[in-house]
Amino acid sequence: MPVAEAGPEGTEAGPEGTAEPTADATRAGLRRLVWGRGVSALGDGLWFTIWALFFTRILHLSAATVGLAMALAGAAALAAAVPIGVLADRHGPRLVLVAVTLVRAVAAAAYLVADGPWQLIAVTVAFTAPANGANAVRTALVAGLVTDTPARMRALAAQRVAQHAGNAAGAGLGALVLAADRPAAYLAAVIANTAGLAVLAVLTALVPDPPARVPAGPRDTARTRLVLRDLPYVSVMAATAVLSLCWAMLSTGLPLWISRSTALPLALSGAVVVVSSIGIAALQVPAARLAATTAAAARTAAWAGVCLAASCALLATTAGGAGAAAAAVVIAAAVLHVAGELGYVAASWGLSITLMREDARGAYQGVAEAATATVQMAGPAVFTLALTGLSAAGWLLAAGVFLACAAPVPALAGWARRTR
């Protein structure tokens, strides 16, 4: 059996002379990605807790201006996901991820000097637009460092655990900023968010570069057309992405429901978030094992839809509810929600990885992120309109949507598998 020749430090020469990271270098690189994700997520949690008041109370911007900025930024994020993924295929995921992270760090720092609505809009677009593309490139980077699906799933799950831990810590710091409610505290939060992104960029730069597996052709535009014309893959990603409504369900639907349609304390919504965070931190890595193959991931997606639909159905029964019995139903719905979210996330990774072309990882992950971003843009409005207009029937409508989109995933995944 031939022995690989020694390459640069921490690498071995691959079959075509390309430098491949050693096992130790790969493990160290994955650990750096986890630490970087956790540190940057702390800044994310801090920022998402305070950004609305920072814009309106510190920058003195109108709600209409803030809404326009966020709408344009969301549209830009949707449009940028696939092109950023294509750039990763062409120039390498590590380089592109570092560059995108630095762009976001500079944009975050620019909030300190933003003056006027148009500067805010420009900064917000620069800060938000690359975020989905960065997620796609990060997945492509992990897929380049490790080749077998279970290892890829474990690495992605570890990063999500770090992300949730960082978000929780950041939200706690954000609560302190809101309690202080002073300009200096808000500015310190902006600086902390900038620093978190800078740390992520540095740690990502220290990750070994995965071996290049992209041939000289096709050109970037051809690669973009290739993935967008892969109808089986796009169909699987679109159906699965609808399950990401689970995040708007928790952040928008539940607080709105408790405050308007029940006599339960609004703090119960916060307790549900705590239950969700603990469940994800404890179970995301084991849940990733449920989606290590295309068929297993498709089944997991279907069961995730069932769990989320059951959660919605339980919440519908709490209309006008009060007391311990209604609160217990909400907590039971929260447990089902956690199961659904864990299954959805694991299934989305498993399907996007096992069905992608290895010579266009970034482009394929970009499509997966674009599908999720599309749903996320509509999510808050969906739950707001459903629950304010239809009351308990709105939850049943949401349950129907989860079931209708999850049920065909196994058949769609089988179609996609046959066309690989």
Protein backbone atom coordinates (compact mmCIF):
# COMPACT_ATOMS: atom_id res chain seq x y z
CA MET A 1 0.00 0.00 0.00
CA PRO A 2 1.61 3.31 -1.01
CA VAL A 3 2.53 5.81 1.70
CA ALA A 4 1.65 9.47 1.19
CA GLU A 5 4.63 11.73 0.80
CA ALA A 6 5.11 14.42 3.40
CA GLY A 7 3.70 17.79 2.47
CA PRO A 8 3.94 21.11 4.33
CA GLU A 9 3.76 20.97 8.12
CA GLY A 10 0.40 19.55 9.19
CA THR A 11 -0.38 18.21 5.71
CA GLU A 12 0.23 15.19 3.54
CA ALA A 13 0.51 15.09 -0.21
CA GLY A 14 -2.76 13.94 -1.73
CA PRO A 15 -3.16 11.61 -4.69
CA GLU A 16 -2.62 14.43 -7.17
CA GLY A 17 0.02 16.28 -5.17
CA THR A 18 -2.50 18.52 -3.40
CA ALA A 19 -1.75 19.13 0.27
CA GLU A 20 -4.21 17.32 2.51
CA PRO A 21 -4.42 18.10 6.25
CA THR A 22 -3.29 15.39 8.61
CA ALA A 23 -5.81 13.89 11.03
CA ASP A 24 -4.37 15.92 13.92
CA ALA A 25 -4.48 19.14 11.89
CA THR A 26 -8.07 18.45 10.89
CA ARG A 27 -9.16 17.84 14.48
CA ALA A 28 -7.43 21.02 15.59
CA GLY A 29 -9.08 22.95 12.77
CA LEU A 30 -12.53 21.67 13.69
CA ARG A 31 -11.94 22.68 17.32
CA ARG A 32 -11.00 26.18 16.17
CA LEU A 33 -14.20 26.40 14.18
CA VAL A 34 -16.20 25.38 17.26
CA TRP A 35 -14.49 27.96 19.48
CA GLY A 36 -14.84 30.63 16.82
CA ARG A 37 -18.53 29.83 16.40
CA GLY A 38 -19.09 30.06 20.14
CA VAL A 39 -17.28 33.40 20.52
CA SER A 40 -19.01 34.98 17.52
CA ALA A 41 -22.37 33.62 18.71
CA LEU A 42 -21.88 35.45 22.00
CA GLY A 43 -21.67 38.65 19.98
CA ASP A 44 -24.68 37.55 17.93
CA GLY A 45 -26.79 36.96 21.03
CA LEU A 46 -25.75 40.31 22.44
CA TRP A 47 -26.48 42.14 19.19
CA PHE A 48 -29.87 40.52 18.52
CA THR A 49 -30.96 41.45 22.04
CA ILE A 50 -30.16 45.14 21.71
CA TRP A 51 -30.20 46.08 18.01
CA ALA A 52 -33.77 47.41 17.85
CA LEU A 53 -33.29 49.79 20.77
CA PHE A 54 -29.80 50.72 19.56
CA PHE A 55 -31.24 51.84 16.24
CA THR A 56 -34.17 53.74 17.69
CA ARG A 57 -32.80 55.12 20.99
CA ILE A 58 -29.13 55.67 20.20
CA LEU A 59 -29.14 56.32 16.44
CA HIS A 60 -32.59 57.97 16.67
CA LEU A 61 -33.94 56.27 13.57
CA SER A 62 -37.62 55.85 12.78
CA ALA A 63 -39.26 52.43 12.82
CA ALA A 64 -39.94 52.81 9.09
CA THR A 65 -36.25 53.37 8.35
CA VAL A 66 -35.25 50.38 10.46
CA GLY A 67 -37.86 48.23 8.73
CA LEU A 68 -36.61 49.30 5.30
CA ALA A 69 -33.01 48.57 6.28
CA MET A 70 -33.88 45.08 7.52
CA ALA A 71 -36.03 44.32 4.46
CA LEU A 72 -33.27 45.33 2.03
CA ALA A 73 -30.69 43.43 4.08
CA GLY A 74 -32.84 40.29 4.07
CA ALA A 75 -33.30 40.47 0.31
CA ALA A 76 -29.57 40.98 -0.18
CA ALA A 77 -28.80 38.00 2.07
CA LEU A 78 -31.10 35.82 0.00
CA ALA A 79 -29.50 36.94 -3.26
CA ALA A 80 -25.92 36.59 -2.00
CA ALA A 81 -26.03 33.04 -0.59
CA VAL A 82 -25.42 31.12 -3.83
CA PRO A 83 -22.79 33.52 -5.30
CA ILE A 84 -20.82 33.39 -2.04
CA GLY A 85 -20.97 29.59 -2.14
CA VAL A 86 -19.74 29.60 -5.74
CA LEU A 87 -16.81 31.82 -4.71
CA ALA A 88 -15.94 29.24 -2.05
CA ASP A 89 -15.84 26.53 -4.69
CA ARG A 90 -13.53 28.62 -6.85
CA HIS A 91 -11.18 30.13 -4.26
CA GLY A 92 -11.50 27.75 -1.30
CA PRO A 93 -13.99 27.85 1.60
CA ARG A 94 -11.47 28.93 4.24
CA LEU A 95 -10.34 32.04 2.33
CA VAL A 96 -13.89 33.06 1.46
CA LEU A 97 -15.16 32.47 5.00
CA VAL A 98 -12.38 34.62 6.44
CA ALA A 99 -13.09 37.37 3.92
CA VAL A 100 -16.84 37.32 4.52
CA THR A 101 -16.36 37.36 8.29
CA LEU A 102 -14.00 40.34 8.05
CA VAL A 103 -16.55 42.20 5.90
CA ARG A 104 -19.16 41.62 8.59
CA ALA A 105 -16.74 42.72 11.33
CA VAL A 106 -15.99 45.98 9.52
CA ALA A 107 -19.71 46.55 8.97
CA ALA A 108 -20.43 45.89 12.65
CA ALA A 109 -17.79 48.45 13.63
CA ALA A 110 -19.30 50.93 11.18
CA TYR A 111 -22.41 51.14 13.37
CA LEU A 112 -20.26 53.19 15.73
CA VAL A 113 -19.94 55.97 13.14
CA ALA A 114 -23.14 55.50 11.12
CA ASP A 115 -24.86 58.85 10.70
CA GLY A 116 -28.21 59.12 8.98
CA PRO A 117 -30.68 56.64 7.51
CA TRP A 118 -28.86 55.89 4.26
CA GLN A 119 -25.60 55.10 6.04
CA LEU A 120 -27.50 52.80 8.39
CA ILE A 121 -29.13 51.01 5.45
CA ALA A 122 -25.76 50.55 3.72
CA VAL A 123 -24.11 49.26 6.90
CA THR A 124 -27.01 46.92 7.68
CA VAL A 125 -26.92 45.42 4.19
CA ALA A 126 -23.14 44.92 4.43
CA PHE A 127 -23.51 43.31 7.85
CA THR A 128 -26.49 41.06 7.10
CA ALA A 129 -26.16 40.14 3.42
CA PRO A 130 -23.12 37.81 3.81
CA ALA A 131 -24.51 35.95 6.85
CA ASN A 132 -26.36 33.17 5.02
CA GLY A 133 -23.50 32.78 2.57
CA ALA A 134 -21.12 32.44 5.51
CA ASN A 135 -23.22 29.59 6.90
CA ALA A 136 -23.09 27.85 3.53
CA VAL A 137 -19.33 28.28 3.26
CA ARG A 138 -18.81 27.05 6.82
CA THR A 139 -20.66 23.84 5.98
CA ALA A 140 -18.62 23.49 2.79
CA LEU A 141 -15.42 23.98 4.80
CA VAL A 142 -16.39 21.21 7.24
CA ALA A 143 -17.30 18.97 4.30
CA GLY A 144 -13.87 19.63 2.81
CA LEU A 145 -12.02 18.79 6.02
CA VAL A 146 -13.81 15.48 6.70
CA THR A 147 -15.15 13.16 4.03
CA ASP A 148 -17.53 10.71 5.73
CA THR A 149 -21.05 11.86 6.49
CA PRO A 150 -21.20 10.88 10.21
CA ALA A 151 -18.03 12.89 10.91
CA ARG A 152 -19.42 15.86 9.02
CA MET A 153 -22.66 15.66 11.00
CA ARG A 154 -20.82 15.48 14.34
CA ALA A 155 -18.72 18.51 13.44
CA LEU A 156 -21.75 20.56 12.38
CA ALA A 157 -23.66 19.52 15.51
CA ALA A 158 -20.75 20.54 17.76
CA GLN A 159 -20.73 23.96 16.14
CA ARG A 160 -24.46 24.37 16.69
CA VAL A 161 -24.09 23.49 20.36
CA ALA A 162 -21.36 26.13 20.66
CA GLN A 163 -23.58 28.59 18.80
CA HIS A 164 -26.47 28.10 21.22
CA ALA A 165 -24.22 28.39 24.25
CA GLY A 166 -22.77 31.62 22.88
CA ASN A 167 -26.19 33.00 21.97
CA ALA A 168 -27.50 32.31 25.48
CA ALA A 169 -24.52 34.01 27.13
CA GLY A 170 -24.78 36.93 24.73
CA ALA A 171 -28.49 37.34 25.40
CA GLY A 172 -27.72 37.48 29.11
CA LEU A 173 -25.21 40.26 28.51
CA GLY A 174 -27.74 41.98 26.29
CA ALA A 175 -30.24 41.97 29.13
CA LEU A 176 -27.68 43.82 31.26
CA VAL A 177 -27.22 46.38 28.48
CA LEU A 178 -30.97 46.92 28.27
CA ALA A 179 -31.17 47.26 32.05
CA ALA A 180 -28.45 49.93 32.02
CA ASP A 181 -30.02 51.64 28.98
CA ARG A 182 -27.09 54.03 28.53
CA PRO A 183 -25.37 55.00 25.27
CA ALA A 184 -22.01 53.74 26.53
CA ALA A 185 -23.48 50.29 27.23
CA TYR A 186 -24.95 50.03 23.73
CA LEU A 187 -21.68 51.12 22.14
CA ALA A 188 -19.80 48.56 24.23
CA ALA A 189 -22.17 45.90 22.88
CA VAL A 190 -21.39 46.93 19.31
CA ILE A 191 -17.66 46.72 20.04
CA ALA A 192 -18.11 43.26 21.59
CA ASN A 193 -19.99 42.03 18.51
CA THR A 194 -17.21 43.37 16.28
CA ALA A 195 -14.58 41.67 18.43
CA GLY A 196 -16.42 38.34 18.27
CA LEU A 197 -16.41 38.42 14.48
CA ALA A 198 -12.74 39.37 14.43
CA VAL A 199 -11.91 36.40 16.67
CA LEU A 200 -13.89 34.12 14.37
CA ALA A 201 -11.96 35.40 11.36
CA VAL A 202 -8.60 34.79 13.07
CA LEU A 203 -9.51 31.28 14.22
CA THR A 204 -10.88 30.41 10.78
CA ALA A 205 -7.64 31.59 9.18
CA LEU A 206 -5.82 29.05 11.38
CA VAL A 207 -7.93 26.16 10.09
CA PRO A 208 -6.08 24.01 7.54
CA ASP A 209 -7.13 24.55 3.97
CA PRO A 210 -9.03 21.51 2.65
CA PRO A 211 -7.64 19.96 -0.53
CA ALA A 212 -9.02 21.46 -3.71
CA ARG A 213 -11.51 19.12 -5.37
CA VAL A 214 -13.00 21.57 -7.87
CA PRO A 215 -11.86 21.06 -11.46
CA ALA A 216 -10.76 23.94 -13.65
CA GLY A 217 -14.26 24.06 -15.14
CA PRO A 218 -17.13 24.75 -15.19
CA ARG A 219 -17.01 28.50 -14.86
CA ASP A 220 -18.71 30.12 -11.89
CA THR A 221 -21.82 31.09 -13.87
CA ALA A 222 -22.11 27.55 -15.21
CA ARG A 223 -21.77 26.15 -11.69
CA THR A 224 -24.56 28.44 -10.49
CA ARG A 225 -26.82 27.29 -13.31
CA LEU A 226 -25.89 23.68 -12.57
CA VAL A 227 -27.15 23.78 -8.99
CA LEU A 228 -30.22 25.89 -9.73
CA ARG A 229 -31.22 23.43 -12.47
CA ASP A 230 -30.79 20.46 -10.14
CA LEU A 231 -34.55 20.27 -9.58
CA PRO A 232 -34.48 17.20 -7.28
CA TYR A 233 -31.99 18.86 -4.92
CA VAL A 234 -33.79 22.21 -4.98
CA SER A 235 -37.11 20.45 -4.30
CA VAL A 236 -35.71 18.61 -1.27
CA MET A 237 -34.17 21.79 0.12
CA ALA A 238 -37.35 23.80 -0.45
CA ALA A 239 -39.59 21.27 1.29
CA THR A 240 -37.21 20.82 4.20
CA ALA A 241 -36.64 24.57 4.59
CA VAL A 242 -40.33 25.09 5.43
CA LEU A 243 -39.66 23.28 8.70
CA SER A 244 -37.43 26.22 9.67
CA LEU A 245 -40.71 28.00 10.47
CA CYS A 246 -40.12 26.37 13.86
CA TRP A 247 -37.82 29.29 14.72
CA ALA A 248 -40.46 31.95 13.99
CA MET A 249 -42.95 29.76 15.85
CA LEU A 250 -40.84 30.13 18.98
CA SER A 251 -39.68 33.74 18.58
CA THR A 252 -42.88 35.28 17.20
CA GLY A 253 -45.83 32.90 17.40
CA LEU A 254 -45.59 31.75 21.01
CA PRO A 255 -45.09 35.18 22.69
CA LEU A 256 -47.89 36.63 20.56
CA TRP A 257 -50.20 33.75 21.44
CA ILE A 258 -49.53 33.84 25.18
CA SER A 259 -49.97 37.61 25.39
CA ARG A 260 -53.14 37.84 23.25
CA SER A 261 -54.98 34.55 23.51
CA THR A 262 -54.27 33.14 26.97
CA ALA A 263 -54.19 34.29 30.57
CA LEU A 264 -50.77 32.74 31.09
CA PRO A 265 -47.79 34.84 32.21
CA LEU A 266 -45.64 36.12 29.36
CA ALA A 267 -42.59 34.85 31.25
CA LEU A 268 -43.68 31.35 30.25
CA SER A 269 -42.49 32.18 26.73
CA GLY A 270 -39.04 32.85 28.14
CA ALA A 271 -39.14 29.54 30.00
CA VAL A 272 -39.87 27.76 26.73
CA VAL A 273 -36.79 29.38 25.18
CA VAL A 274 -34.73 28.07 28.10
CA VAL A 275 -36.16 24.56 27.60
CA SER A 276 -35.32 24.78 23.90
CA SER A 277 -31.77 25.99 24.49
CA ILE A 278 -31.01 23.28 27.03
CA GLY A 279 -32.52 20.58 24.85
CA ILE A 280 -30.54 21.63 21.79
CA ALA A 281 -27.27 21.91 23.71
CA ALA A 282 -27.76 18.45 25.20
CA LEU A 283 -29.19 16.56 22.25
CA GLN A 284 -28.07 18.10 18.94
CA VAL A 285 -24.99 15.88 18.65
CA PRO A 286 -26.93 12.64 19.32
CA ALA A 287 -29.72 13.83 17.02
CA ALA A 288 -27.23 14.26 14.19
CA ARG A 289 -26.72 10.48 14.19
CA LEU A 290 -30.32 10.07 13.03
CA ALA A 291 -29.54 11.65 9.66
CA ALA A 292 -26.25 10.12 8.54
CA THR A 293 -27.68 8.79 5.26
CA THR A 294 -30.06 10.27 2.72
CA ALA A 295 -32.87 7.86 3.62
CA ALA A 296 -32.38 8.34 7.37
CA ALA A 297 -32.28 12.13 6.98
CA ALA A 298 -35.50 12.07 4.94
CA ARG A 299 -37.28 9.98 7.58
CA THR A 300 -36.00 12.32 10.28
CA ALA A 301 -37.37 15.32 8.40
CA ALA A 302 -40.77 13.63 8.14
CA TRP A 303 -40.87 12.87 11.87
CA ALA A 304 -39.70 16.41 12.63
CA GLY A 305 -42.72 17.70 10.77
CA VAL A 306 -44.99 15.41 12.81
CA CYS A 307 -43.47 16.66 16.08
CA LEU A 308 -43.84 20.31 15.08
CA ALA A 309 -47.43 19.74 13.94
CA ALA A 310 -48.25 18.04 17.24
CA SER A 311 -46.70 20.97 19.11
CA CYS A 312 -48.93 23.39 17.18
CA ALA A 313 -52.01 21.26 17.89
CA LEU A 314 -51.28 21.27 21.63
CA LEU A 315 -50.85 25.04 21.66
CA ALA A 316 -54.22 25.44 19.93
CA THR A 317 -55.89 23.79 22.95
CA THR A 318 -54.60 26.51 25.30
CA ALA A 319 -56.81 29.28 23.88
CA GLY A 320 -58.11 31.26 26.87
CA GLY A 321 -56.19 28.93 29.17
CA ALA A 322 -54.76 29.81 32.55
CA GLY A 323 -53.18 28.11 35.52
CA ALA A 324 -50.91 25.13 35.93
CA ALA A 325 -52.77 22.83 33.54
CA ALA A 326 -52.49 25.21 30.58
CA ALA A 327 -48.86 25.96 31.44
CA ALA A 328 -48.11 22.23 31.48
CA VAL A 329 -49.62 21.90 27.99
CA VAL A 330 -47.36 24.73 26.77
CA ILE A 331 -44.31 23.01 28.26
CA ALA A 332 -45.32 19.71 26.62
CA ALA A 333 -45.65 21.57 23.32
CA ALA A 334 -42.19 23.03 23.94
CA VAL A 335 -40.71 19.54 24.35
CA LEU A 336 -42.27 18.46 21.05
CA HIS A 337 -40.93 21.63 19.47
CA VAL A 338 -37.41 20.79 20.64
CA ALA A 339 -37.73 17.30 19.13
CA GLY A 340 -38.96 18.80 15.87
CA GLU A 341 -36.22 21.40 15.71
CA LEU A 342 -33.49 18.88 16.50
CA GLY A 343 -34.81 16.58 13.78
CA TYR A 344 -35.21 19.37 11.24
CA VAL A 345 -31.67 20.68 11.72
CA ALA A 346 -30.11 17.22 11.58
CA ALA A 347 -32.16 16.30 8.50
CA SER A 348 -31.30 19.54 6.70
CA TRP A 349 -27.59 18.87 7.20
CA GLY A 350 -27.87 15.22 6.19
CA LEU A 351 -29.87 15.92 3.04
CA SER A 352 -27.85 18.94 1.92
CA ILE A 353 -24.55 17.06 2.39
CA THR A 354 -25.39 13.62 1.05
CA LEU A 355 -27.15 14.97 -2.05
CA MET A 356 -24.69 17.72 -3.01
CA ARG A 357 -22.04 17.40 -5.71
CA GLU A 358 -18.62 17.25 -4.10
CA ASP A 359 -17.13 19.49 -6.80
CA ALA A 360 -19.68 22.25 -6.04
CA ARG A 361 -20.10 22.09 -2.27
CA GLY A 362 -20.32 25.84 -1.79
CA ALA A 363 -22.90 26.36 -4.53
CA TYR A 364 -25.09 23.54 -3.24
CA GLN A 365 -24.88 24.72 0.37
CA GLY A 366 -25.67 28.21 -0.89
CA VAL A 367 -28.94 26.93 -2.35
CA ALA A 368 -29.78 25.23 0.94
CA GLU A 369 -29.14 28.47 2.85
CA ALA A 370 -31.10 30.52 0.31
CA ALA A 371 -34.11 28.25 0.76
CA THR A 372 -33.96 28.66 4.52
CA ALA A 373 -33.48 32.43 4.24
CA THR A 374 -36.59 32.68 2.06
CA VAL A 375 -38.70 30.95 4.69
CA GLN A 376 -37.17 33.00 7.49
CA MET A 377 -38.09 36.24 5.77
CA ALA A 378 -41.74 35.19 5.73
CA GLY A 379 -41.85 33.36 9.07
CA PRO A 380 -42.75 36.19 11.48
CA ALA A 381 -45.47 37.48 9.16
CA VAL A 382 -46.93 33.98 8.73
CA PHE A 383 -47.40 33.44 12.46
CA THR A 384 -48.52 37.00 13.13
CA LEU A 385 -51.25 36.84 10.48
CA ALA A 386 -52.30 33.27 11.32
CA LEU A 387 -52.61 33.77 15.07
CA THR A 388 -54.12 37.23 15.05
CA GLY A 389 -56.55 36.48 12.25
CA LEU A 390 -57.52 32.87 12.97
CA SER A 391 -56.73 32.42 16.68
CA ALA A 392 -56.50 28.70 17.57
CA ALA A 393 -57.22 27.73 13.98
CA GLY A 394 -53.99 29.50 13.08
CA TRP A 395 -52.05 26.87 15.02
CA LEU A 396 -53.92 24.12 13.18
CA LEU A 397 -53.10 25.80 9.88
CA ALA A 398 -49.41 25.88 10.86
CA ALA A 399 -49.63 22.20 11.82
CA GLY A 400 -51.03 21.42 8.38
CA VAL A 401 -48.19 23.32 6.70
CA PHE A 402 -45.57 21.36 8.68
CA LEU A 403 -47.19 18.03 7.76
CA ALA A 404 -47.77 18.93 4.12
CA CYS A 405 -44.14 19.95 3.57
CA ALA A 406 -42.52 17.17 5.62
CA ALA A 407 -44.56 14.25 4.24
CA PRO A 408 -43.12 14.30 0.68
CA VAL A 409 -39.49 14.66 1.78
CA PRO A 410 -38.71 10.88 1.72
CA ALA A 411 -40.09 10.57 -1.84
CA LEU A 412 -38.30 13.73 -2.99
CA ALA A 413 -35.05 12.55 -1.39
CA GLY A 414 -35.38 9.18 -3.13
CA TRP A 415 -35.84 10.95 -6.46
CA ALA A 416 -32.78 13.10 -5.78
CA ARG A 417 -30.72 10.08 -4.71
CA ARG A 418 -31.51 8.28 -7.96
CA THR A 419 -30.32 11.27 -10.01
CA ARG A 420 -26.93 11.70 -8.32
